[in-house]
Amino acid sequence: MNRFIFFLLCAIIFLLPLPLGSYRPWAIMAMGILICISFVFHLFNSAVNNQTLYPPRYSLPIISALLLVCAMCTLQFFTVSLDPFQTKQMLLKTSFMVCFCWLIFIYCNNSKRIKKLIYTIITAGVFQALYATYLNLSPDMLSPIFGYRHTQRAIGTFTYSNFLANYLALCLCLGIGLLVSELKRGSHARALTFKQTLRAWTEILLSSKIILRISLIIIIIALILTRSRMGNSAFFIALMAVSLLALFVYNKKPKAFKILIISFFIIDLIIIGAIFDVEKVKQRISETSIQSETRDEVVRDSIPLILDKPILGSGGGTFYTAFPAYQSEPYSGYYDNAHNDYIQFSVELGIPVTSALGALILYCIWLCIQTMRKRKTALFQGVAFGCAIAIIDMLLHSSVDYSLQAGANSMLFIVILCLAILSNKLPAPKRNKNSK
């Protein structure tokens, strides 16, 4: 039963992006039913097999933050919500997240399961990448899933190419962390000779890890084909920033750590990017201007809405209902989302709850740094490294988009926050003599 429930969790993670990125209410409800079924199995397992009913105490920060959102949505539903139906939808979605976190903390309780969970995420990312790339390069073909037509930007099974870009970037981050954890580590950092450098390159490119490395290349190809400006920029900026930090704080860095990171910029960005026309992404970035973009005006017009209801907000899921009354002028298009998750959460949930969620994310980043700096278990260090990149990537992307509104992306991000905590708190594997 224990293994079966863990299998269900992995299956849910793989299935989440398939029904239009779980962005539609019916899709997130379908995924929520699967989560609830898994939770019922957990209750049965606890009653019959003496499985621990409650998650460990170190899960309290993330579960408490999500319960706070549930409490706020419940209060809003009966008081201030401009659209009680949408607030109820957010309440249900957040409740599903609570149950999912609950199960992750109980059933991902060792290094082997964490590794399997990450491989599941990478597999889901590869599937999305292959599916999106095939459709993008086959303009006359309808999508077998929900019949979406070809677009100039890869979209996969999502409704919005930027959702796909954000999802792929998160998968990439965890994949890089896993790859780093499997590199050989040296006790002391020292300069490598040319022969040692060549051997290290060969180890990365031609070893048994080649399948994982090829998987990451496939995901990067699809990321480039999304033509997402911030999707691509946020990933490489986050990778560079966290890698530079890791050079100073990483405990016993792998010998080929620098080489691996450099390879992502040389092989993936420059060579693979040239083959799959990364210039189109650069062109979209260069053509972006304040005059042509209206997202900054949405942010500007949303600030009075936040100031009018700073404590309780307008109600979960009510941005598209509340915003038109504050819109100062017509924009090019209809904004049912703020294209800025910070603004949207502040509008809908109020400043206190949004600040609590921000504090949770900062706490997880701090745990990742502490794990890289103090722990000696290679897997936990690598997972923390990948989680740190993923969190920074999401923080950057959320400043110009609304990826957290898609169920597949928000659920995956919640899993990443759980992994950041687990990699810091779980005991080291007993068989690893050098672990702590």
Protein backbone atom coordinates (compact mmCIF):
# COMPACT_ATOMS: atom_id res chain seq x y z
CA MET A 1 0.00 0.00 0.00
CA ASN A 2 2.86 2.34 0.84
CA ARG A 3 4.47 1.82 -2.57
CA PHE A 4 1.11 2.04 -4.31
CA ILE A 5 0.35 5.46 -2.84
CA PHE A 6 3.79 6.71 -3.87
CA PHE A 7 3.10 5.40 -7.38
CA LEU A 8 -0.19 7.36 -7.41
CA LEU A 9 1.67 10.55 -6.45
CA CYS A 10 4.12 10.04 -9.32
CA ALA A 11 1.24 9.31 -11.72
CA ILE A 12 -0.55 12.52 -10.68
CA ILE A 13 2.62 14.55 -11.28
CA PHE A 14 2.92 13.09 -14.79
CA LEU A 15 -0.78 13.61 -15.58
CA LEU A 16 -1.10 17.19 -14.29
CA PRO A 17 -0.01 18.95 -17.53
CA LEU A 18 -2.07 16.74 -19.86
CA PRO A 19 -5.56 18.29 -19.43
CA LEU A 20 -4.61 21.74 -20.79
CA GLY A 21 -2.02 22.30 -18.06
CA SER A 22 -4.79 21.85 -15.45
CA TYR A 23 -5.69 25.49 -16.08
CA ARG A 24 -9.40 24.92 -16.68
CA PRO A 25 -11.62 24.40 -13.60
CA TRP A 26 -12.75 20.94 -14.77
CA ALA A 27 -9.11 19.89 -15.25
CA ILE A 28 -7.94 20.89 -11.79
CA MET A 29 -11.06 19.25 -10.34
CA ALA A 30 -10.19 16.00 -12.14
CA MET A 31 -6.65 16.11 -10.75
CA GLY A 32 -8.08 17.02 -7.34
CA ILE A 33 -10.25 13.92 -7.37
CA LEU A 34 -7.14 11.78 -7.99
CA ILE A 35 -5.38 13.52 -5.10
CA CYS A 36 -8.37 12.93 -2.82
CA ILE A 37 -8.48 9.25 -3.81
CA SER A 38 -4.79 8.99 -2.92
CA PHE A 39 -5.49 10.68 0.40
CA VAL A 40 -8.30 8.22 1.15
CA PHE A 41 -5.86 5.37 0.48
CA HIS A 42 -3.49 7.05 2.91
CA LEU A 43 -6.18 7.17 5.61
CA PHE A 44 -6.89 3.48 5.02
CA ASN A 45 -3.17 2.71 5.13
CA SER A 46 -2.83 4.60 8.40
CA ALA A 47 -5.72 2.72 9.99
CA VAL A 48 -4.76 -0.78 8.82
CA ASN A 49 -0.96 -0.76 8.53
CA ASN A 50 -0.07 1.75 11.25
CA GLN A 51 1.32 4.21 8.69
CA THR A 52 1.93 7.65 10.19
CA LEU A 53 -1.22 9.72 9.72
CA TYR A 54 0.33 13.18 10.05
CA PRO A 55 3.28 14.62 8.12
CA PRO A 56 6.49 15.47 10.02
CA ARG A 57 6.76 18.72 11.94
CA TYR A 58 9.14 20.27 9.41
CA SER A 59 6.26 20.31 6.91
CA LEU A 60 4.44 22.92 9.01
CA PRO A 61 5.74 26.04 7.18
CA ILE A 62 4.35 25.05 3.79
CA ILE A 63 1.17 23.36 5.03
CA SER A 64 0.44 26.27 7.40
CA ALA A 65 0.87 28.79 4.57
CA LEU A 66 -1.54 26.86 2.35
CA LEU A 67 -4.04 26.46 5.19
CA LEU A 68 -3.83 30.22 5.69
CA VAL A 69 -4.87 30.69 2.05
CA CYS A 70 -7.74 28.23 2.61
CA ALA A 71 -8.86 30.16 5.70
CA MET A 72 -8.73 33.46 3.80
CA CYS A 73 -10.73 32.07 0.87
CA THR A 74 -13.33 30.70 3.28
CA LEU A 75 -13.63 34.08 5.01
CA GLN A 76 -13.84 35.88 1.66
CA PHE A 77 -16.49 33.48 0.38
CA PHE A 78 -18.87 34.54 3.15
CA THR A 79 -17.91 38.23 3.25
CA VAL A 80 -16.02 40.29 0.67
CA SER A 81 -15.60 38.11 -2.45
CA LEU A 82 -16.75 39.77 -5.67
CA ASP A 83 -17.23 36.32 -7.22
CA PRO A 84 -17.90 33.63 -4.58
CA PHE A 85 -17.85 30.87 -7.22
CA GLN A 86 -14.25 31.69 -8.26
CA THR A 87 -13.22 32.03 -4.62
CA LYS A 88 -14.64 28.57 -3.95
CA GLN A 89 -12.60 27.26 -6.88
CA MET A 90 -9.42 28.68 -5.37
CA LEU A 91 -10.36 27.20 -2.00
CA LEU A 92 -10.75 23.74 -3.57
CA LYS A 93 -7.51 24.07 -5.54
CA THR A 94 -5.58 25.09 -2.44
CA SER A 95 -7.16 22.26 -0.44
CA PHE A 96 -5.91 19.82 -3.07
CA MET A 97 -2.43 21.31 -2.65
CA VAL A 98 -2.59 20.78 1.11
CA CYS A 99 -3.49 17.10 0.63
CA PHE A 100 -0.78 16.68 -1.99
CA CYS A 101 1.89 18.23 0.25
CA TRP A 102 0.66 16.08 3.12
CA LEU A 103 1.23 12.94 1.05
CA ILE A 104 4.56 14.09 -0.41
CA PHE A 105 6.05 14.63 3.04
CA ILE A 106 4.90 11.21 4.26
CA TYR A 107 5.64 9.02 1.25
CA CYS A 108 8.77 10.74 -0.13
CA ASN A 109 10.60 9.94 3.08
CA ASN A 110 13.97 8.74 1.80
CA SER A 111 16.58 9.54 -0.85
CA LYS A 112 15.49 6.75 -3.22
CA ARG A 113 11.94 8.03 -3.42
CA ILE A 114 13.07 11.61 -3.85
CA LYS A 115 15.19 10.46 -6.77
CA LYS A 116 12.28 8.55 -8.31
CA LEU A 117 10.01 11.56 -7.85
CA ILE A 118 12.47 13.82 -9.68
CA TYR A 119 12.87 11.29 -12.47
CA THR A 120 9.08 11.31 -12.83
CA ILE A 121 9.12 15.09 -13.18
CA ILE A 122 11.90 14.90 -15.77
CA THR A 123 9.98 12.21 -17.68
CA ALA A 124 6.90 14.44 -17.71
CA GLY A 125 9.07 17.30 -18.96
CA VAL A 126 10.58 15.18 -21.74
CA PHE A 127 7.12 14.03 -22.83
CA GLN A 128 5.87 17.61 -22.96
CA ALA A 129 9.02 18.69 -24.81
CA LEU A 130 8.76 15.94 -27.46
CA TYR A 131 5.02 16.49 -27.88
CA ALA A 132 5.38 20.27 -28.17
CA THR A 133 8.36 20.07 -30.54
CA TYR A 134 6.64 17.57 -32.83
CA LEU A 135 3.52 19.71 -33.10
CA ASN A 136 5.55 22.88 -33.58
CA LEU A 137 7.47 21.31 -36.46
CA SER A 138 4.28 19.83 -37.98
CA PRO A 139 2.16 22.87 -38.90
CA ASP A 140 -0.55 20.87 -40.70
CA MET A 141 -1.27 18.56 -37.76
CA LEU A 142 -3.94 19.02 -35.12
CA SER A 143 -3.01 18.22 -31.54
CA PRO A 144 -4.22 14.70 -30.65
CA ILE A 145 -5.08 16.10 -27.21
CA PHE A 146 -8.08 18.49 -27.41
CA GLY A 147 -7.40 19.30 -31.07
CA TYR A 148 -5.34 22.46 -30.62
CA ARG A 149 -4.01 23.90 -33.88
CA HIS A 150 -0.39 24.65 -34.69
CA THR A 151 1.02 27.97 -33.48
CA GLN A 152 4.34 29.65 -34.19
CA ARG A 153 5.29 29.03 -30.57
CA ALA A 154 5.44 25.55 -28.99
CA ILE A 155 2.48 25.01 -26.68
CA GLY A 156 2.36 21.28 -25.90
CA THR A 157 -0.75 20.25 -23.96
CA PHE A 158 -1.01 23.70 -22.34
CA THR A 159 -3.30 26.57 -23.31
CA TYR A 160 -0.51 29.17 -23.32
CA SER A 161 3.07 28.87 -24.54
CA ASN A 162 4.43 30.76 -21.52
CA PHE A 163 2.84 28.17 -19.23
CA LEU A 164 4.74 25.47 -21.10
CA ALA A 165 7.97 27.48 -20.94
CA ASN A 166 7.67 27.89 -17.18
CA TYR A 167 6.83 24.20 -16.69
CA LEU A 168 9.78 23.06 -18.79
CA ALA A 169 12.14 25.42 -16.98
CA LEU A 170 11.12 23.98 -13.59
CA CYS A 171 11.70 20.44 -14.90
CA LEU A 172 15.09 21.53 -16.23
CA CYS A 173 16.13 22.96 -12.89
CA LEU A 174 15.44 19.72 -11.03
CA GLY A 175 17.15 17.74 -13.79
CA ILE A 176 20.28 19.85 -13.49
CA GLY A 177 20.27 19.39 -9.72
CA LEU A 178 19.99 15.62 -10.14
CA LEU A 179 22.81 15.60 -12.69
CA VAL A 180 25.05 17.60 -10.35
CA SER A 181 24.34 15.13 -7.54
CA GLU A 182 25.62 12.26 -9.69
CA LEU A 183 28.97 13.85 -10.51
CA LYS A 184 32.09 12.62 -8.74
CA ARG A 185 33.10 14.85 -5.86
CA GLY A 186 36.57 15.83 -4.70
CA SER A 187 37.62 16.50 -1.14
CA HIS A 188 39.49 19.67 -2.07
CA ALA A 189 38.95 22.15 -4.86
CA ARG A 190 42.01 22.40 -7.09
CA ALA A 191 42.86 23.39 -10.62
CA LEU A 192 42.38 20.64 -13.18
CA THR A 193 45.01 19.79 -15.75
CA PHE A 194 44.09 19.65 -19.43
CA LYS A 195 43.94 15.86 -19.27
CA GLN A 196 41.69 15.95 -16.20
CA THR A 197 39.46 18.56 -17.84
CA LEU A 198 39.13 16.44 -20.97
CA ARG A 199 38.32 13.40 -18.84
CA ALA A 200 35.68 15.40 -16.94
CA TRP A 201 34.03 16.50 -20.20
CA THR A 202 34.02 12.92 -21.39
CA GLU A 203 32.49 11.80 -18.09
CA ILE A 204 29.62 14.23 -18.49
CA LEU A 205 28.94 13.67 -22.19
CA LEU A 206 29.70 9.99 -22.68
CA SER A 207 29.02 8.30 -19.34
CA SER A 208 25.96 6.45 -18.08
CA LYS A 209 24.49 9.87 -17.29
CA ILE A 210 24.14 10.57 -21.01
CA ILE A 211 20.41 9.67 -21.00
CA LEU A 212 19.73 12.30 -18.35
CA ARG A 213 21.87 14.83 -20.21
CA ILE A 214 20.08 14.14 -23.51
CA SER A 215 16.73 14.49 -21.72
CA LEU A 216 17.72 17.96 -20.54
CA ILE A 217 18.79 18.92 -24.07
CA ILE A 218 15.39 17.79 -25.40
CA ILE A 219 13.63 19.95 -22.79
CA ILE A 220 15.81 22.96 -23.66
CA ILE A 221 14.96 22.57 -27.35
CA ALA A 222 11.25 22.80 -26.52
CA LEU A 223 11.90 25.72 -24.15
CA ILE A 224 13.55 27.62 -27.01
CA LEU A 225 10.67 26.76 -29.35
CA THR A 226 8.16 28.35 -26.97
CA ARG A 227 9.80 31.68 -27.95
CA SER A 228 9.02 32.82 -24.42
CA ARG A 229 11.09 35.86 -23.54
CA MET A 230 11.03 35.57 -19.77
CA GLY A 231 10.69 31.79 -19.90
CA ASN A 232 14.13 31.52 -21.48
CA SER A 233 15.69 34.53 -19.79
CA ALA A 234 14.56 33.58 -16.29
CA PHE A 235 15.95 30.06 -16.61
CA PHE A 236 19.44 31.08 -17.73
CA ILE A 237 19.59 34.03 -15.31
CA ALA A 238 18.55 31.78 -12.41
CA LEU A 239 21.04 29.10 -13.48
CA MET A 240 23.87 31.62 -13.63
CA ALA A 241 22.97 33.31 -10.32
CA VAL A 242 22.61 30.11 -8.29
CA SER A 243 25.70 28.56 -9.91
CA LEU A 244 27.80 31.58 -8.90
CA LEU A 245 26.41 31.32 -5.37
CA ALA A 246 27.15 27.59 -5.29
CA LEU A 247 30.80 28.23 -6.14
CA PHE A 248 31.14 29.88 -2.73
CA VAL A 249 28.79 27.85 -0.54
CA TYR A 250 28.72 24.33 -2.03
CA ASN A 251 30.24 21.78 0.34
CA LYS A 252 32.73 19.62 -1.60
CA LYS A 253 31.80 20.71 -5.09
CA PRO A 254 31.89 17.99 -7.76
CA LYS A 255 35.08 18.10 -9.81
CA ALA A 256 33.18 18.74 -13.04
CA PHE A 257 30.70 21.24 -11.55
CA LYS A 258 32.01 24.28 -13.45
CA ILE A 259 32.32 22.30 -16.65
CA LEU A 260 28.74 21.10 -16.43
CA ILE A 261 27.36 24.59 -15.90
CA ILE A 262 29.47 26.00 -18.72
CA SER A 263 28.20 23.21 -20.99
CA PHE A 264 24.63 24.43 -20.51
CA PHE A 265 25.57 27.83 -21.89
CA ILE A 266 27.86 26.57 -24.67
CA ILE A 267 26.10 23.39 -25.82
CA ASP A 268 22.50 24.17 -24.94
CA LEU A 269 22.19 27.92 -25.37
CA ILE A 270 24.66 28.62 -28.18
CA ILE A 271 24.85 25.41 -30.25
CA ILE A 272 21.37 23.96 -29.70
CA GLY A 273 19.92 27.47 -29.69
CA ALA A 274 21.48 28.21 -33.08
CA ILE A 275 20.04 25.02 -34.56
CA PHE A 276 16.53 25.74 -33.29
CA ASP A 277 16.63 29.48 -34.01
CA VAL A 278 17.11 31.07 -30.61
CA GLU A 279 17.46 34.32 -32.57
CA LYS A 280 13.65 34.52 -32.67
CA VAL A 281 13.65 34.66 -28.88
CA LYS A 282 16.33 37.36 -28.94
CA GLN A 283 14.31 39.27 -31.53
CA ARG A 284 11.17 39.15 -29.37
CA ILE A 285 13.20 40.44 -26.41
CA SER A 286 14.83 43.24 -28.44
CA GLU A 287 11.47 44.32 -29.89
CA THR A 288 9.88 44.53 -26.46
CA SER A 289 9.25 48.13 -25.41
CA ILE A 290 7.29 49.97 -22.77
CA GLN A 291 5.19 51.54 -25.52
CA SER A 292 4.19 48.19 -27.06
CA GLU A 293 3.59 46.36 -23.77
CA THR A 294 0.52 47.04 -21.63
CA ARG A 295 1.39 44.72 -18.73
CA ASP A 296 3.05 47.59 -16.85
CA GLU A 297 -0.18 49.59 -17.19
CA VAL A 298 -2.14 46.69 -15.70
CA VAL A 299 0.24 46.71 -12.74
CA ARG A 300 -0.14 50.49 -12.42
CA ASP A 301 -3.94 50.31 -12.45
CA SER A 302 -3.99 47.36 -10.02
CA ILE A 303 -2.16 49.21 -7.24
CA PRO A 304 -5.22 51.33 -6.24
CA LEU A 305 -7.22 48.09 -6.08
CA ILE A 306 -4.69 46.65 -3.65
CA LEU A 307 -4.69 49.83 -1.55
CA ASP A 308 -8.50 49.88 -1.37
CA LYS A 309 -8.63 46.31 -0.01
CA PRO A 310 -5.17 45.67 1.49
CA ILE A 311 -6.17 43.18 4.21
CA LEU A 312 -8.83 40.87 2.82
CA GLY A 313 -8.42 41.48 -0.90
CA SER A 314 -11.23 41.18 -3.44
CA GLY A 315 -11.55 37.40 -3.17
CA GLY A 316 -9.59 34.45 -4.52
CA GLY A 317 -9.86 34.16 -8.29
CA THR A 318 -11.64 37.50 -8.71
CA PHE A 319 -9.01 39.60 -10.49
CA TYR A 320 -10.89 39.65 -13.80
CA THR A 321 -14.03 40.73 -11.93
CA ALA A 322 -12.43 43.42 -9.78
CA PHE A 323 -9.97 44.94 -12.25
CA PRO A 324 -12.27 46.49 -14.92
CA ALA A 325 -13.60 49.05 -12.43
CA TYR A 326 -10.02 50.31 -11.91
CA GLN A 327 -8.87 50.14 -15.54
CA SER A 328 -8.03 53.72 -16.58
CA GLU A 329 -8.04 53.15 -20.34
CA PRO A 330 -8.70 50.40 -22.93
CA TYR A 331 -5.79 48.01 -23.50
CA SER A 332 -4.91 45.84 -26.46
CA GLY A 333 -6.67 42.71 -25.28
CA TYR A 334 -8.70 41.50 -22.33
CA TYR A 335 -6.77 40.98 -19.10
CA ASP A 336 -8.37 38.23 -17.08
CA ASN A 337 -5.07 37.92 -15.19
CA ALA A 338 -2.60 40.53 -14.03
CA HIS A 339 0.41 39.03 -15.86
CA ASN A 340 2.18 39.52 -12.54
CA ASP A 341 1.58 36.93 -9.83
CA TYR A 342 2.71 39.29 -7.06
CA ILE A 343 0.06 41.82 -8.05
CA GLN A 344 -2.63 39.21 -8.63
CA PHE A 345 -2.12 37.49 -5.27
CA SER A 346 -2.12 40.88 -3.52
CA VAL A 347 -5.34 41.90 -5.26
CA GLU A 348 -7.15 38.64 -4.57
CA LEU A 349 -5.79 37.55 -1.16
CA GLY A 350 -4.60 40.79 0.41
CA ILE A 351 -1.14 41.88 1.48
CA PRO A 352 -0.80 39.82 4.73
CA VAL A 353 -1.49 36.44 3.10
CA THR A 354 0.67 37.31 0.07
CA SER A 355 3.49 38.30 2.45
CA ALA A 356 3.14 34.98 4.28
CA LEU A 357 3.51 33.12 0.98
CA GLY A 358 6.55 35.24 0.14
CA ALA A 359 8.09 34.42 3.53
CA LEU A 360 7.60 30.70 2.82
CA ILE A 361 9.49 31.01 -0.48
CA LEU A 362 12.35 32.95 1.16
CA TYR A 363 12.51 30.28 3.87
CA CYS A 364 12.83 27.56 1.23
CA ILE A 365 15.61 29.46 -0.56
CA TRP A 366 17.46 29.80 2.76
CA LEU A 367 17.07 26.04 3.37
CA CYS A 368 18.49 25.32 -0.09
CA ILE A 369 21.56 27.43 0.66
CA GLN A 370 22.02 25.76 4.02
CA THR A 371 21.72 22.32 2.42
CA MET A 372 24.36 23.12 -0.21
CA ARG A 373 26.64 24.60 2.45
CA LYS A 374 26.34 22.10 5.31
CA ARG A 375 25.09 18.74 4.13
CA LYS A 376 27.40 16.08 2.74
CA THR A 377 24.89 13.84 0.98
CA ALA A 378 25.41 14.42 -2.73
CA LEU A 379 21.76 13.83 -3.67
CA PHE A 380 20.39 16.29 -1.11
CA GLN A 381 22.93 18.92 -2.14
CA GLY A 382 22.06 18.47 -5.81
CA VAL A 383 18.32 18.58 -5.14
CA ALA A 384 18.76 21.78 -3.12
CA PHE A 385 20.81 23.26 -5.97
CA GLY A 386 18.07 22.44 -8.48
CA CYS A 387 15.30 23.69 -6.19
CA ALA A 388 17.12 26.99 -5.68
CA ILE A 389 17.36 27.51 -9.45
CA ALA A 390 13.68 26.62 -9.85
CA ILE A 391 12.56 29.02 -7.11
CA ILE A 392 14.59 31.92 -8.55
CA ASP A 393 13.27 31.09 -12.02
CA MET A 394 9.67 31.22 -10.75
CA LEU A 395 10.29 34.47 -8.88
CA LEU A 396 11.60 36.07 -12.07
CA HIS A 397 8.91 34.67 -14.35
CA SER A 398 6.10 35.60 -11.95
CA SER A 399 7.06 39.27 -12.27
CA VAL A 400 5.76 39.40 -15.85
CA ASP A 401 3.35 36.46 -16.13
CA TYR A 402 0.80 34.35 -14.27
CA SER A 403 2.20 30.80 -14.46
CA LEU A 404 1.11 30.06 -10.88
CA GLN A 405 -2.51 30.29 -12.04
CA ALA A 406 -2.07 27.07 -14.06
CA GLY A 407 -2.62 23.99 -11.91
CA ALA A 408 0.25 21.98 -13.42
CA ASN A 409 2.74 24.78 -12.76
CA SER A 410 1.54 25.67 -9.28
CA MET A 411 1.43 22.01 -8.20
CA LEU A 412 4.93 21.41 -9.56
CA PHE A 413 6.18 24.51 -7.77
CA ILE A 414 4.64 23.27 -4.52
CA VAL A 415 6.46 19.94 -5.02
CA ILE A 416 9.70 21.89 -5.50
CA LEU A 417 9.16 23.74 -2.20
CA CYS A 418 8.52 20.38 -0.51
CA LEU A 419 11.76 19.00 -2.00
CA ALA A 420 13.66 22.04 -0.73
CA ILE A 421 12.49 21.24 2.80
CA LEU A 422 12.95 17.46 2.48
CA SER A 423 16.51 17.77 1.15
CA ASN A 424 17.39 19.78 4.25
CA LYS A 425 15.52 17.78 6.89
CA LEU A 426 15.65 14.12 5.88
CA PRO A 427 18.37 11.98 7.51
CA ALA A 428 21.24 10.88 5.32
CA PRO A 429 21.16 7.39 3.80
CA LYS A 430 22.76 4.95 6.24
CA ARG A 431 24.90 3.26 3.62
CA ASN A 432 26.69 6.47 2.72
CA LYS A 433 29.64 6.73 5.09
CA ASN A 434 30.43 10.27 3.96
CA SER A 435 26.89 11.50 4.50
CA LYS A 436 25.54 13.67 7.20
